[in-house]
Amino acid sequence: METRSFSFNLPPELIAQHPPENRGASRLMVVDRASGSFSHRLFDELPILIPAGSLVVFNNARVRKARLRGTRAADGGECEVLLLEETEPGTWKAIAKPMKKLKAGTELAFPGGKRAGVLRREGDFLYVKFDEPPDEAYFEAHGAMPLPPYIRRPAGTEDDERYQTVYASAPGSAAAPTAGLHFTDGMRERLREAGLQTAELTLHVGSGTFLPIRAEKLEDHVMHEERYTISDECAGLIASALAEGKPITAVGTTTVRALESSAPDSRIEAGTRRTSLFIRPGFEFRIVSHLLTNFHTPLSSLLVLVSAFAGKDLIFSAYEAAVRERYRFFSYGDAMLIV
């Protein structure tokens, strides 16, 4: 398939620049795959919209405040580095700017006396090595939330809370699993009161979230790798749901990728692994039957995934309606439930 067929026109003013005043006070489009129809609801109605008996699976990844502003030691020029993953002790894979000036051997200075050297560049990424590796306390003290580039403002204090899910517990993600941003503790309790089971896994969202598909054909796109963990408890709940024929509702595309990656033959596997699974039209979903998600960027792997799940024509019709009805798009935007 041609990548360009996954583009659409989006008025810039519909890209949400701030979270809603109250968490969960969002609109919810419900897309029905069986009838090919969609309806406009509120996120507050979610407990009555998720199919009865569902197991609802969340991604509990916590965003690391790993966007660091520093200087080049040689000339004092400013730089910004987003640390993505520690590949070995003290060495981090990162994206940075200005990329052209951060050549191998460049020494960097960061707040709190941290220093690092650029080891090499590989494609869109830099590898930097710290004299003294940063820890989570350092990131909290000196880092900033890595807001995606379509949010055209610096990260502020509101993002420290609102660009995290209320259930985030596993630090290490470079972006939020944004479908989960709508949930409050009260909403999660309402799901349980409605008879819905819940489970949690972890997938640390990687840099690919920020990158569009550049290949002309989907088949030529190389998906970024992400690390995920499914506990024995989570695997057991999913296996029981599958055995009993209960629906499984994934909260977010990251949860979909983890679940479908862990079940090569429809049997869920616990453990920590890496996945580069690219879900595109024609993919056979073995685990997930319903999906809660946000509205995604044009030409993104996430838009391709939801098109594979619900059908490209239906998704693009729904997106056209979302633009027409002035839904809020992307990370801080409104939600879609595909049933």
Protein backbone atom coordinates (compact mmCIF):
# COMPACT_ATOMS: atom_id res chain seq x y z
CA MET A 1 0.00 0.00 0.00
CA GLU A 2 1.15 3.54 -0.66
CA THR A 3 2.02 5.48 2.47
CA ARG A 4 0.56 8.69 1.07
CA SER A 5 -2.91 7.12 1.18
CA PHE A 6 -2.71 7.47 4.99
CA SER A 7 -2.64 11.25 4.88
CA PHE A 8 -5.55 13.55 5.63
CA ASN A 9 -6.18 17.28 5.96
CA LEU A 10 -6.30 18.54 9.53
CA PRO A 11 -6.88 22.18 10.45
CA PRO A 12 -3.99 23.15 12.78
CA GLU A 13 -6.35 24.65 15.35
CA LEU A 14 -7.76 21.15 16.05
CA ILE A 15 -4.39 19.93 17.38
CA ALA A 16 -4.81 20.11 21.16
CA GLN A 17 -2.06 22.23 22.72
CA HIS A 18 -3.18 21.73 26.33
CA PRO A 19 -5.04 18.99 28.18
CA PRO A 20 -8.73 19.57 28.95
CA GLU A 21 -9.34 21.51 32.14
CA ASN A 22 -10.46 18.34 33.91
CA ARG A 23 -8.95 14.92 33.21
CA GLY A 24 -11.48 12.77 31.41
CA ALA A 25 -13.63 15.69 30.24
CA SER A 26 -13.21 14.66 26.61
CA ARG A 27 -15.44 13.63 23.77
CA LEU A 28 -15.57 10.02 22.64
CA MET A 29 -16.34 8.80 19.15
CA VAL A 30 -17.63 5.22 19.12
CA VAL A 31 -16.83 3.33 15.91
CA ASP A 32 -18.76 0.11 15.29
CA ARG A 33 -16.90 -2.22 12.92
CA ALA A 34 -19.86 -4.53 12.40
CA SER A 35 -22.29 -1.84 11.21
CA GLY A 36 -19.70 0.53 9.76
CA SER A 37 -21.21 3.36 11.77
CA PHE A 38 -19.98 5.82 14.38
CA SER A 39 -21.60 7.94 17.07
CA HIS A 40 -20.61 10.90 19.22
CA ARG A 41 -20.52 10.34 22.97
CA LEU A 42 -18.59 11.52 26.05
CA PHE A 43 -15.67 9.74 27.68
CA ASP A 44 -17.63 9.78 30.94
CA GLU A 45 -19.99 7.21 29.36
CA LEU A 46 -17.20 4.67 28.80
CA PRO A 47 -18.31 2.04 31.38
CA ILE A 48 -21.58 1.46 29.50
CA LEU A 49 -19.92 1.49 26.08
CA ILE A 50 -17.21 -1.14 26.59
CA PRO A 51 -18.74 -4.54 25.82
CA ALA A 52 -19.94 -6.38 28.92
CA GLY A 53 -17.56 -8.91 30.41
CA SER A 54 -14.47 -7.32 28.84
CA LEU A 55 -10.98 -7.53 30.21
CA VAL A 56 -9.58 -3.99 29.90
CA VAL A 57 -5.78 -3.87 29.52
CA PHE A 58 -3.76 -0.74 30.33
CA ASN A 59 -0.15 0.26 29.63
CA ASN A 60 1.36 1.46 32.93
CA ALA A 61 4.52 2.96 31.38
CA ARG A 62 5.64 6.18 33.06
CA VAL A 63 7.11 9.00 30.99
CA ARG A 64 10.68 9.85 31.95
CA LYS A 65 11.52 13.57 32.08
CA ALA A 66 14.53 12.88 29.88
CA ARG A 67 14.58 15.99 27.67
CA LEU A 68 17.79 17.73 28.78
CA ARG A 69 18.97 21.16 27.74
CA GLY A 70 22.72 21.65 27.74
CA THR A 71 25.64 23.27 25.99
CA ARG A 72 28.49 22.19 23.78
CA ALA A 73 31.62 22.39 25.91
CA ALA A 74 33.81 23.70 23.07
CA ASP A 75 31.82 26.79 22.08
CA GLY A 76 28.97 27.15 24.58
CA GLY A 77 26.34 26.58 21.89
CA GLU A 78 22.99 25.36 23.18
CA CYS A 79 21.71 21.85 22.53
CA GLU A 80 18.76 19.71 23.49
CA VAL A 81 18.95 15.97 23.96
CA LEU A 82 16.10 13.53 24.52
CA LEU A 83 17.48 10.38 26.10
CA LEU A 84 15.49 7.39 24.88
CA GLU A 85 17.09 4.26 26.28
CA GLU A 86 20.23 3.24 28.14
CA THR A 87 21.84 0.70 25.81
CA GLU A 88 24.70 -0.13 28.19
CA PRO A 89 25.80 1.42 31.50
CA GLY A 90 26.22 5.16 30.95
CA THR A 91 25.50 5.04 27.18
CA TRP A 92 22.17 6.35 25.92
CA LYS A 93 20.41 6.29 22.58
CA ALA A 94 19.01 9.77 21.96
CA ILE A 95 17.53 12.23 19.53
CA ALA A 96 18.95 15.74 19.64
CA LYS A 97 19.18 19.17 18.08
CA PRO A 98 21.02 20.78 16.43
CA MET A 99 21.91 17.34 15.07
CA LYS A 100 24.43 18.62 12.50
CA LYS A 101 26.61 20.20 15.18
CA LEU A 102 26.66 17.17 17.47
CA LYS A 103 29.37 15.14 15.79
CA ALA A 104 31.29 12.23 17.30
CA GLY A 105 33.67 13.52 19.94
CA THR A 106 31.56 16.57 20.88
CA GLU A 107 31.56 17.13 24.64
CA LEU A 108 28.27 18.19 26.22
CA ALA A 109 27.57 19.82 29.58
CA PHE A 110 24.21 19.50 31.36
CA PRO A 111 22.69 20.96 34.54
CA GLY A 112 23.82 19.50 37.83
CA GLY A 113 27.38 19.04 36.62
CA LYS A 114 26.62 16.14 34.26
CA ARG A 115 28.88 15.77 31.24
CA ALA A 116 28.63 13.46 28.25
CA GLY A 117 30.38 12.82 24.98
CA VAL A 118 28.84 12.03 21.60
CA LEU A 119 29.99 8.56 20.54
CA ARG A 120 28.37 8.26 17.09
CA ARG A 121 25.36 8.96 14.97
CA GLU A 122 23.17 6.22 13.47
CA GLY A 123 20.40 7.50 11.22
CA ASP A 124 18.05 9.69 13.28
CA PHE A 125 19.79 8.87 16.55
CA LEU A 126 22.85 9.83 18.57
CA TYR A 127 24.64 7.69 21.12
CA VAL A 128 26.06 9.63 24.05
CA LYS A 129 28.10 8.41 27.00
CA PHE A 130 27.90 10.07 30.43
CA ASP A 131 30.78 10.34 32.87
CA GLU A 132 28.28 9.70 35.68
CA PRO A 133 25.03 8.14 34.44
CA PRO A 134 21.82 10.06 35.26
CA ASP A 135 19.23 8.36 37.44
CA GLU A 136 15.51 8.94 37.91
CA ALA A 137 16.13 11.53 40.63
CA TYR A 138 18.33 13.49 38.22
CA PHE A 139 15.67 13.43 35.49
CA GLU A 140 13.02 14.65 37.93
CA ALA A 141 15.26 17.49 39.09
CA HIS A 142 16.74 18.65 35.78
CA GLY A 143 14.74 17.16 32.90
CA ALA A 144 11.62 18.29 31.07
CA MET A 145 8.64 16.31 29.81
CA PRO A 146 9.27 15.17 26.20
CA LEU A 147 6.13 16.64 24.67
CA PRO A 148 5.66 15.65 21.02
CA PRO A 149 6.61 18.22 18.38
CA TYR A 150 3.03 19.00 17.39
CA ILE A 151 2.54 20.61 20.81
CA ARG A 152 4.02 23.96 19.93
CA ARG A 153 5.02 25.19 23.37
CA PRO A 154 7.61 24.33 26.00
CA ALA A 155 6.65 21.74 28.60
CA GLY A 156 5.24 23.35 31.75
CA THR A 157 4.26 22.33 35.25
CA GLU A 158 0.80 21.19 34.08
CA ASP A 159 2.47 18.56 31.89
CA ASP A 160 4.31 17.00 34.84
CA GLU A 161 0.94 15.68 35.95
CA ARG A 162 -1.23 15.66 32.84
CA TYR A 163 1.25 14.01 30.44
CA GLN A 164 1.25 10.98 32.79
CA THR A 165 -1.53 8.49 33.28
CA VAL A 166 -2.84 8.28 36.85
CA TYR A 167 -1.69 4.64 36.96
CA ALA A 168 1.81 5.18 35.51
CA SER A 169 4.25 3.13 37.58
CA ALA A 170 7.10 1.88 35.33
CA PRO A 171 9.48 4.73 34.38
CA GLY A 172 11.29 4.68 31.06
CA SER A 173 8.88 5.85 28.35
CA ALA A 174 9.80 8.59 25.84
CA ALA A 175 6.13 9.46 25.29
CA ALA A 176 2.85 8.92 27.07
CA PRO A 177 0.48 6.09 26.15
CA THR A 178 -2.02 8.82 25.41
CA ALA A 179 -5.28 6.86 25.36
CA GLY A 180 -4.73 6.38 29.07
CA LEU A 181 -4.50 10.11 29.79
CA HIS A 182 -8.31 10.30 29.92
CA PHE A 183 -8.64 7.98 32.91
CA THR A 184 -9.08 9.09 36.49
CA ASP A 185 -8.91 6.76 39.49
CA GLY A 186 -12.67 7.19 39.71
CA MET A 187 -13.20 6.05 36.14
CA ARG A 188 -11.09 2.96 36.68
CA GLU A 189 -13.20 2.14 39.73
CA ARG A 190 -16.38 2.64 37.70
CA LEU A 191 -15.11 0.11 35.15
CA ARG A 192 -14.69 -2.46 37.91
CA GLU A 193 -18.12 -1.61 39.36
CA ALA A 194 -19.55 -2.28 35.88
CA GLY A 195 -18.18 -5.82 36.06
CA LEU A 196 -15.15 -5.24 33.83
CA GLN A 197 -11.84 -6.83 34.78
CA THR A 198 -8.63 -4.82 34.43
CA ALA A 199 -5.01 -5.77 33.85
CA GLU A 200 -1.76 -3.88 33.28
CA LEU A 201 1.32 -4.42 31.14
CA THR A 202 4.26 -2.16 30.30
CA LEU A 203 5.43 -0.98 26.90
CA HIS A 204 7.94 1.87 26.92
CA VAL A 205 6.94 4.15 24.06
CA GLY A 206 9.94 4.88 21.87
CA SER A 207 11.12 7.57 19.51
CA GLY A 208 9.18 6.14 16.59
CA THR A 209 6.12 7.85 18.03
CA PHE A 210 7.60 11.15 16.83
CA LEU A 211 8.65 9.95 13.38
CA PRO A 212 6.41 9.72 10.29
CA ILE A 213 6.60 6.80 7.87
CA ARG A 214 9.09 7.91 5.22
CA ALA A 215 8.99 4.91 2.90
CA GLU A 216 6.75 5.31 -0.14
CA LYS A 217 5.33 1.81 0.40
CA LEU A 218 4.17 0.53 3.80
CA GLU A 219 5.93 -2.75 3.11
CA ASP A 220 9.28 -0.92 3.08
CA HIS A 221 8.84 0.77 6.45
CA VAL A 222 11.14 -0.49 9.22
CA MET A 223 9.34 -0.22 12.54
CA HIS A 224 11.18 1.08 15.60
CA GLU A 225 11.80 -1.34 18.46
CA GLU A 226 10.13 -0.97 21.83
CA ARG A 227 10.60 -2.91 25.05
CA TYR A 228 7.59 -4.43 26.78
CA THR A 229 6.86 -6.56 29.84
CA ILE A 230 3.85 -8.77 30.50
CA SER A 231 3.68 -10.12 34.03
CA ASP A 232 2.55 -13.62 34.94
CA GLU A 233 -0.59 -12.11 36.48
CA CYS A 234 -1.46 -10.16 33.34
CA ALA A 235 -0.74 -13.15 31.10
CA GLY A 236 -2.98 -15.31 33.29
CA LEU A 237 -5.88 -12.86 33.09
CA ILE A 238 -5.58 -12.65 29.32
CA ALA A 239 -5.34 -16.42 28.92
CA SER A 240 -8.45 -16.87 31.07
CA ALA A 241 -10.37 -14.25 29.08
CA LEU A 242 -9.44 -15.93 25.81
CA ALA A 243 -10.39 -19.36 27.12
CA GLU A 244 -13.77 -18.06 28.33
CA GLY A 245 -14.45 -16.12 25.13
CA LYS A 246 -14.45 -12.75 26.90
CA PRO A 247 -13.69 -9.61 24.87
CA ILE A 248 -10.31 -7.96 25.42
CA THR A 249 -10.29 -4.17 25.24
CA ALA A 250 -6.88 -2.57 24.75
CA VAL A 251 -6.34 0.93 26.08
CA GLY A 252 -4.09 2.40 23.42
CA THR A 253 -2.15 1.25 20.39
CA THR A 254 0.89 0.53 22.58
CA THR A 255 -1.14 -2.06 24.47
CA VAL A 256 -2.23 -3.59 21.16
CA ARG A 257 1.39 -3.93 20.00
CA ALA A 258 2.46 -5.57 23.25
CA LEU A 259 -0.44 -8.02 23.30
CA GLU A 260 -0.23 -9.02 19.66
CA SER A 261 3.59 -9.31 19.85
CA SER A 262 3.33 -11.64 22.83
CA ALA A 263 0.97 -14.08 21.16
CA PRO A 264 2.56 -15.53 18.04
CA ASP A 265 0.19 -18.49 18.13
CA SER A 266 -2.74 -17.02 20.10
CA ARG A 267 -1.18 -18.03 23.42
CA ILE A 268 -0.02 -15.14 25.57
CA GLU A 269 3.61 -15.28 26.74
CA ALA A 270 4.75 -13.56 29.93
CA GLY A 271 8.17 -11.93 30.16
CA THR A 272 10.20 -8.96 28.94
CA ARG A 273 10.89 -8.72 25.23
CA ARG A 274 11.40 -6.24 22.40
CA THR A 275 9.04 -5.77 19.50
CA SER A 276 9.29 -4.18 16.08
CA LEU A 277 5.85 -5.40 15.01
CA PHE A 278 4.33 -3.15 12.33
CA ILE A 279 0.59 -3.72 12.28
CA ARG A 280 -0.86 -2.77 8.89
CA PRO A 281 -3.96 -3.74 6.85
CA GLY A 282 -4.15 -7.50 6.45
CA PHE A 283 -2.84 -8.20 9.97
CA GLU A 284 -4.67 -10.96 11.85
CA PHE A 285 -5.51 -9.80 15.38
CA ARG A 286 -5.31 -12.74 17.77
CA ILE A 287 -5.86 -11.08 21.15
CA VAL A 288 -7.49 -7.65 20.94
CA SER A 289 -11.18 -7.37 20.10
CA HIS A 290 -11.89 -3.73 21.07
CA LEU A 291 -9.66 -0.65 21.15
CA LEU A 292 -9.72 2.68 22.95
CA THR A 293 -7.38 5.15 21.26
CA ASN A 294 -6.82 8.82 20.45
CA PHE A 295 -6.85 10.45 17.01
CA HIS A 296 -3.48 9.98 15.32
CA THR A 297 -1.19 11.97 13.07
CA PRO A 298 -1.23 11.61 9.27
CA LEU A 299 1.30 9.16 7.79
CA SER A 300 1.96 7.57 11.20
CA SER A 301 2.27 3.89 12.07
CA LEU A 302 -0.47 4.44 14.66
CA LEU A 303 -2.97 5.58 12.04
CA VAL A 304 -2.03 2.54 9.96
CA LEU A 305 -2.63 0.30 13.00
CA VAL A 306 -6.14 1.58 13.69
CA SER A 307 -6.90 1.32 9.96
CA ALA A 308 -5.85 -2.33 10.12
CA PHE A 309 -8.09 -2.85 13.15
CA ALA A 310 -11.26 -1.16 11.91
CA GLY A 311 -10.78 -0.93 8.15
CA LYS A 312 -9.18 2.01 6.37
CA ASP A 313 -12.37 3.32 4.75
CA LEU A 314 -14.27 3.33 8.05
CA ILE A 315 -11.43 5.02 9.93
CA PHE A 316 -11.02 7.73 7.33
CA SER A 317 -14.77 8.36 7.33
CA ALA A 318 -14.62 8.66 11.10
CA TYR A 319 -11.68 11.07 10.89
CA GLU A 320 -13.54 13.21 8.36
CA ALA A 321 -16.46 13.36 10.77
CA ALA A 322 -14.10 14.21 13.65
CA VAL A 323 -12.73 17.17 11.69
CA ARG A 324 -16.22 18.27 10.75
CA GLU A 325 -17.41 18.02 14.37
CA ARG A 326 -14.30 19.82 15.66
CA TYR A 327 -12.85 17.03 17.77
CA ARG A 328 -9.51 17.71 19.46
CA PHE A 329 -6.64 15.71 17.94
CA PHE A 330 -3.49 13.91 19.11
CA SER A 331 -1.98 13.49 22.60
CA TYR A 332 -4.17 15.90 24.58
CA GLY A 333 -7.15 15.43 22.29
CA ASP A 334 -10.38 13.44 22.34
CA ALA A 335 -10.78 9.66 22.20
CA MET A 336 -12.16 6.96 19.94
CA LEU A 337 -13.58 3.59 21.01
CA ILE A 338 -13.57 0.95 18.27
CA VAL A 339 -15.94 -1.94 19.04
